[in-house]
């Protein structure tokens, strides 16, 4: 199994946004045994790669 060899699980979901605007991704802890390493948000133009896109620049809006 590929997930065992890579020691990862890759999951995806699709969402349709009703309008162009600023959106926020919120994550809640449900199980203490789950670790998220990376979220990839494809707004169009995502290229396939072995373990997903490289890290992008962090932008905090305070």
PDB file of N, CA and C in Angstrom:
ATOM      1  N   UNK A   1       0.831  -1.186   0.000  1.00  0.00           N
ATOM      2  CA  UNK A   1       0.000   0.000   0.000  1.00  0.00           C
ATOM      3  C   UNK A   1       0.874   1.247   0.000  1.00  0.00           C
ATOM      4  N   UNK A   2       0.529   2.170  -0.846  1.00  0.00           N
ATOM      5  CA  UNK A   2       1.307   3.401  -0.980  1.00  0.00           C
ATOM      6  C   UNK A   2       1.292   4.233   0.304  1.00  0.00           C
ATOM      7  N   UNK A   3       0.146   4.293   1.001  1.00  0.00           N
ATOM      8  CA  UNK A   3       0.069   5.104   2.222  1.00  0.00           C
ATOM      9  C   UNK A   3       0.974   4.553   3.316  1.00  0.00           C
ATOM     10  N   UNK A   4       1.177   3.247   3.369  1.00  0.00           N
ATOM     11  CA  UNK A   4       2.063   2.658   4.368  1.00  0.00           C
ATOM     12  C   UNK A   4       3.509   2.985   4.035  1.00  0.00           C
ATOM     13  N   UNK A   5       3.904   2.863   2.784  1.00  0.00           N
ATOM     14  CA  UNK A   5       5.271   3.173   2.372  1.00  0.00           C
ATOM     15  C   UNK A   5       5.630   4.635   2.575  1.00  0.00           C
ATOM     16  N   UNK A   6       4.688   5.523   2.321  1.00  0.00           N
ATOM     17  CA  UNK A   6       4.927   6.962   2.480  1.00  0.00           C
ATOM     18  C   UNK A   6       4.635   7.441   3.901  1.00  0.00           C
ATOM     19  N   UNK A   7       4.005   6.597   4.707  1.00  0.00           N
ATOM     20  CA  UNK A   7       3.579   6.923   6.073  1.00  0.00           C
ATOM     21  C   UNK A   7       2.673   8.156   6.100  1.00  0.00           C
ATOM     22  N   UNK A   8       1.783   8.236   5.121  1.00  0.00           N
ATOM     23  CA  UNK A   8       0.837   9.358   5.051  1.00  0.00           C
ATOM     24  C   UNK A   8      -0.504   8.873   4.523  1.00  0.00           C
ATOM     25  N   UNK A   9      -1.517   9.635   4.778  1.00  0.00           N
ATOM     26  CA  UNK A   9      -2.827   9.461   4.164  1.00  0.00           C
ATOM     27  C   UNK A   9      -3.145  10.769   3.458  1.00  0.00           C
ATOM     28  N   UNK A  10      -3.518  10.695   2.213  1.00  0.00           N
ATOM     29  CA  UNK A  10      -3.890  11.888   1.455  1.00  0.00           C
ATOM     30  C   UNK A  10      -5.394  11.840   1.239  1.00  0.00           C
ATOM     31  N   UNK A  11      -6.086  12.857   1.723  1.00  0.00           N
ATOM     32  CA  UNK A  11      -7.536  12.958   1.576  1.00  0.00           C
ATOM     33  C   UNK A  11      -7.860  14.259   0.859  1.00  0.00           C
ATOM     34  N   UNK A  12      -8.950  14.276   0.134  1.00  0.00           N
ATOM     35  CA  UNK A  12      -9.342  15.510  -0.550  1.00  0.00           C
ATOM     36  C   UNK A  12     -10.844  15.699  -0.449  1.00  0.00           C
ATOM     37  N   UNK A  13     -11.254  16.931  -0.597  1.00  0.00           N
ATOM     38  CA  UNK A  13     -12.671  17.272  -0.642  1.00  0.00           C
ATOM     39  C   UNK A  13     -12.828  18.467  -1.566  1.00  0.00           C
ATOM     40  N   UNK A  14     -14.006  18.608  -2.129  1.00  0.00           N
ATOM     41  CA  UNK A  14     -14.286  19.718  -3.036  1.00  0.00           C
ATOM     42  C   UNK A  14     -15.388  20.572  -2.448  1.00  0.00           C
ATOM     43  N   UNK A  15     -15.220  21.887  -2.573  1.00  0.00           N
ATOM     44  CA  UNK A  15     -16.196  22.834  -2.054  1.00  0.00           C
ATOM     45  C   UNK A  15     -16.438  23.905  -3.104  1.00  0.00           C
ATOM     46  N   UNK A  16     -17.667  24.335  -3.239  1.00  0.00           N
ATOM     47  CA  UNK A  16     -18.020  25.398  -4.166  1.00  0.00           C
ATOM     48  C   UNK A  16     -18.325  26.653  -3.367  1.00  0.00           C
ATOM     49  N   UNK A  17     -17.639  27.725  -3.690  1.00  0.00           N
ATOM     50  CA  UNK A  17     -17.847  28.993  -3.005  1.00  0.00           C
ATOM     51  C   UNK A  17     -18.833  29.825  -3.808  1.00  0.00           C
ATOM     52  N   UNK A  18     -19.766  30.452  -3.109  1.00  0.00           N
ATOM     53  CA  UNK A  18     -20.838  31.170  -3.788  1.00  0.00           C
ATOM     54  C   UNK A  18     -20.385  32.496  -4.386  1.00  0.00           C
ATOM     55  N   UNK A  19     -19.313  33.076  -3.847  1.00  0.00           N
ATOM     56  CA  UNK A  19     -18.843  34.354  -4.375  1.00  0.00           C
ATOM     57  C   UNK A  19     -17.351  34.523  -4.133  1.00  0.00           C
ATOM     58  N   UNK A  20     -16.728  35.363  -4.924  1.00  0.00           N
ATOM     59  CA  UNK A  20     -15.314  35.672  -4.750  1.00  0.00           C
ATOM     60  C   UNK A  20     -15.178  36.631  -3.575  1.00  0.00           C
ATOM     61  N   UNK A  21     -14.413  36.219  -2.579  1.00  0.00           N
ATOM     62  CA  UNK A  21     -14.228  37.022  -1.374  1.00  0.00           C
ATOM     63  C   UNK A  21     -13.106  36.382  -0.570  1.00  0.00           C
ATOM     64  N   UNK A  22     -12.818  36.919   0.590  1.00  0.00           N
ATOM     65  CA  UNK A  22     -11.852  36.326   1.495  1.00  0.00           C
ATOM     66  C   UNK A  22     -12.536  35.206   2.257  1.00  0.00           C
ATOM     67  N   UNK A  23     -11.911  34.024   2.287  1.00  0.00           N
ATOM     68  CA  UNK A  23     -12.482  32.869   2.967  1.00  0.00           C
ATOM     69  C   UNK A  23     -11.473  32.358   3.988  1.00  0.00           C
ATOM     70  N   UNK A  24     -11.961  31.694   5.030  1.00  0.00           N
ATOM     71  CA  UNK A  24     -11.130  31.189   6.108  1.00  0.00           C
ATOM     72  C   UNK A  24     -11.330  29.687   6.251  1.00  0.00           C
ATOM     73  N   UNK A  25     -10.217  28.945   6.335  1.00  0.00           N
ATOM     74  CA  UNK A  25     -10.258  27.515   6.590  1.00  0.00           C
ATOM     75  C   UNK A  25     -10.085  27.318   8.094  1.00  0.00           C
ATOM     76  N   UNK A  26     -11.075  26.699   8.742  1.00  0.00           N
ATOM     77  CA  UNK A  26     -11.011  26.460  10.184  1.00  0.00           C
ATOM     78  C   UNK A  26     -10.939  24.958  10.431  1.00  0.00           C
ATOM     79  N   UNK A  27     -10.070  24.566  11.347  1.00  0.00           N
ATOM     80  CA  UNK A  27      -9.877  23.161  11.694  1.00  0.00           C
ATOM     81  C   UNK A  27     -10.106  23.002  13.191  1.00  0.00           C
ATOM     82  N   UNK A  28     -10.905  22.009  13.591  1.00  0.00           N
ATOM     83  CA  UNK A  28     -11.143  21.728  15.003  1.00  0.00           C
ATOM     84  C   UNK A  28     -10.540  20.381  15.362  1.00  0.00           C
ATOM     85  N   UNK A  29      -9.951  20.286  16.547  1.00  0.00           N
ATOM     86  CA  UNK A  29      -9.404  19.015  17.022  1.00  0.00           C
ATOM     87  C   UNK A  29     -10.551  18.129  17.501  1.00  0.00           C
ATOM     88  N   UNK A  30     -10.628  16.942  16.947  1.00  0.00           N
ATOM     89  CA  UNK A  30     -11.634  15.977  17.367  1.00  0.00           C
ATOM     90  C   UNK A  30     -10.956  14.776  18.020  1.00  0.00           C
ATOM     91  N   UNK A  31      -9.796  14.405  17.518  1.00  0.00           N
ATOM     92  CA  UNK A  31      -9.060  13.254  18.028  1.00  0.00           C
ATOM     93  C   UNK A  31      -7.612  13.669  18.250  1.00  0.00           C
ATOM     94  N   UNK A  32      -7.057  13.375  19.419  1.00  0.00           N
ATOM     95  CA  UNK A  32      -5.683  13.784  19.731  1.00  0.00           C
ATOM     96  C   UNK A  32      -4.645  13.009  18.928  1.00  0.00           C
ATOM     97  N   UNK A  33      -5.030  11.920  18.294  1.00  0.00           N
ATOM     98  CA  UNK A  33      -4.078  11.114  17.531  1.00  0.00           C
ATOM     99  C   UNK A  33      -3.923  11.533  16.081  1.00  0.00           C
ATOM    100  N   UNK A  34      -4.563  12.592  15.654  1.00  0.00           N
ATOM    101  CA  UNK A  34      -4.496  13.045  14.266  1.00  0.00           C
ATOM    102  C   UNK A  34      -3.559  14.235  14.157  1.00  0.00           C
ATOM    103  N   UNK A  35      -2.643  14.170  13.196  1.00  0.00           N
ATOM    104  CA  UNK A  35      -1.699  15.267  12.961  1.00  0.00           C
ATOM    105  C   UNK A  35      -1.838  15.703  11.509  1.00  0.00           C
ATOM    106  N   UNK A  36      -2.135  16.980  11.305  1.00  0.00           N
ATOM    107  CA  UNK A  36      -2.171  17.540   9.958  1.00  0.00           C
ATOM    108  C   UNK A  36      -0.810  18.155   9.674  1.00  0.00           C
ATOM    109  N   UNK A  37      -0.213  17.768   8.580  1.00  0.00           N
ATOM    110  CA  UNK A  37       1.070  18.338   8.209  1.00  0.00           C
ATOM    111  C   UNK A  37       0.908  19.430   7.169  1.00  0.00           C
ATOM    112  N   UNK A  38      -0.065  19.261   6.292  1.00  0.00           N
ATOM    113  CA  UNK A  38      -0.163  20.207   5.181  1.00  0.00           C
ATOM    114  C   UNK A  38      -1.588  20.261   4.655  1.00  0.00           C
ATOM    115  N   UNK A  39      -2.033  21.457   4.291  1.00  0.00           N
ATOM    116  CA  UNK A  39      -3.277  21.653   3.569  1.00  0.00           C
ATOM    117  C   UNK A  39      -2.918  22.273   2.235  1.00  0.00           C
ATOM    118  N   UNK A  40      -3.454  21.727   1.167  1.00  0.00           N
ATOM    119  CA  UNK A  40      -3.233  22.280  -0.165  1.00  0.00           C
ATOM    120  C   UNK A  40      -4.576  22.775  -0.672  1.00  0.00           C
ATOM    121  N   UNK A  41      -4.654  24.063  -0.939  1.00  0.00           N
ATOM    122  CA  UNK A  41      -5.885  24.659  -1.468  1.00  0.00           C
ATOM    123  C   UNK A  41      -5.647  24.973  -2.940  1.00  0.00           C
ATOM    124  N   UNK A  42      -6.386  24.291  -3.777  1.00  0.00           N
ATOM    125  CA  UNK A  42      -6.243  24.461  -5.221  1.00  0.00           C
ATOM    126  C   UNK A  42      -7.286  25.452  -5.711  1.00  0.00           C
ATOM    127  N   UNK A  43      -6.855  26.650  -6.036  1.00  0.00           N
ATOM    128  CA  UNK A  43      -7.749  27.665  -6.583  1.00  0.00           C
ATOM    129  C   UNK A  43      -7.626  27.714  -8.098  1.00  0.00           C
ATOM    130  N   UNK A  44      -7.114  26.633  -8.659  1.00  0.00           N
ATOM    131  CA  UNK A  44      -6.899  26.533 -10.098  1.00  0.00           C
ATOM    132  C   UNK A  44      -5.420  26.518 -10.421  1.00  0.00           C
ATOM    133  N   UNK A  45      -5.017  25.636 -11.276  1.00  0.00           N
ATOM    134  CA  UNK A  45      -3.629  25.596 -11.722  1.00  0.00           C
ATOM    135  C   UNK A  45      -2.704  24.720 -10.890  1.00  0.00           C
ATOM    136  N   UNK A  46      -3.257  23.897 -10.001  1.00  0.00           N
ATOM    137  CA  UNK A  46      -2.409  23.017  -9.177  1.00  0.00           C
ATOM    138  C   UNK A  46      -1.750  21.974 -10.070  1.00  0.00           C
ATOM    139  N   UNK A  47      -0.449  21.778  -9.864  1.00  0.00           N
ATOM    140  CA  UNK A  47       0.296  20.783 -10.621  1.00  0.00           C
ATOM    141  C   UNK A  47       0.524  19.562  -9.740  1.00  0.00           C
ATOM    142  N   UNK A  48       0.465  18.401 -10.324  1.00  0.00           N
ATOM    143  CA  UNK A  48       0.685  17.163  -9.585  1.00  0.00           C
ATOM    144  C   UNK A  48       2.143  17.071  -9.144  1.00  0.00           C
ATOM    145  N   UNK A  49       2.348  16.540  -7.932  1.00  0.00           N
ATOM    146  CA  UNK A  49       3.689  16.289  -7.423  1.00  0.00           C
ATOM    147  C   UNK A  49       3.623  15.108  -6.468  1.00  0.00           C
ATOM    148  N   UNK A  50       4.759  14.605  -6.052  1.00  0.00           N
ATOM    149  CA  UNK A  50       4.820  13.378  -5.255  1.00  0.00           C
ATOM    150  C   UNK A  50       4.053  13.500  -3.944  1.00  0.00           C
ATOM    151  N   UNK A  51       4.351  14.504  -3.130  1.00  0.00           N
ATOM    152  CA  UNK A  51       3.661  14.686  -1.850  1.00  0.00           C
ATOM    153  C   UNK A  51       2.970  16.031  -1.755  1.00  0.00           C
ATOM    154  N   UNK A  52       2.505  16.546  -2.853  1.00  0.00           N
ATOM    155  CA  UNK A  52       1.768  17.796  -2.842  1.00  0.00           C
ATOM    156  C   UNK A  52       2.638  19.002  -3.096  1.00  0.00           C
ATOM    157  N   UNK A  53       2.007  20.140  -3.103  1.00  0.00           N
ATOM    158  CA  UNK A  53       2.687  21.398  -3.410  1.00  0.00           C
ATOM    159  C   UNK A  53       3.670  21.773  -2.303  1.00  0.00           C
ATOM    160  N   UNK A  54       4.734  22.507  -2.635  1.00  0.00           N
ATOM    161  CA  UNK A  54       5.656  22.979  -1.605  1.00  0.00           C
ATOM    162  C   UNK A  54       4.988  24.047  -0.736  1.00  0.00           C
ATOM    163  N   UNK A  55       5.576  24.303   0.421  1.00  0.00           N
ATOM    164  CA  UNK A  55       5.032  25.286   1.340  1.00  0.00           C
ATOM    165  C   UNK A  55       5.012  26.669   0.710  1.00  0.00           C
ATOM    166  N   UNK A  56       3.926  27.402   0.942  1.00  0.00           N
ATOM    167  CA  UNK A  56       3.828  28.764   0.422  1.00  0.00           C
ATOM    168  C   UNK A  56       4.169  29.760   1.526  1.00  0.00           C
ATOM    169  N   UNK A  57       4.185  31.009   1.165  1.00  0.00           N
ATOM    170  CA  UNK A  57       4.477  32.065   2.131  1.00  0.00           C
ATOM    171  C   UNK A  57       3.282  32.211   3.073  1.00  0.00           C
ATOM    172  N   UNK A  58       3.542  32.270   4.368  1.00  0.00           N
ATOM    173  CA  UNK A  58       2.487  32.433   5.371  1.00  0.00           C
ATOM    174  C   UNK A  58       2.084  33.891   5.431  1.00  0.00           C
ATOM    175  N   UNK A  59       0.805  34.164   5.301  1.00  0.00           N
ATOM    176  CA  UNK A  59       0.297  35.522   5.384  1.00  0.00           C
ATOM    177  C   UNK A  59      -0.768  35.551   6.475  1.00  0.00           C
ATOM    178  N   UNK A  60      -0.499  36.309   7.536  1.00  0.00           N
ATOM    179  CA  UNK A  60      -1.472  36.435   8.624  1.00  0.00           C
ATOM    180  C   UNK A  60      -2.186  37.767   8.508  1.00  0.00           C
ATOM    181  N   UNK A  61      -3.487  37.733   8.631  1.00  0.00           N
ATOM    182  CA  UNK A  61      -4.282  38.942   8.557  1.00  0.00           C
ATOM    183  C   UNK A  61      -4.775  39.251   9.968  1.00  0.00           C
ATOM    184  N   UNK A  62      -4.127  40.193  10.633  1.00  0.00           N
ATOM    185  CA  UNK A  62      -4.508  40.505  12.027  1.00  0.00           C
ATOM    186  C   UNK A  62      -5.359  41.734  12.087  1.00  0.00           C
TER     187      UNK A  62
END
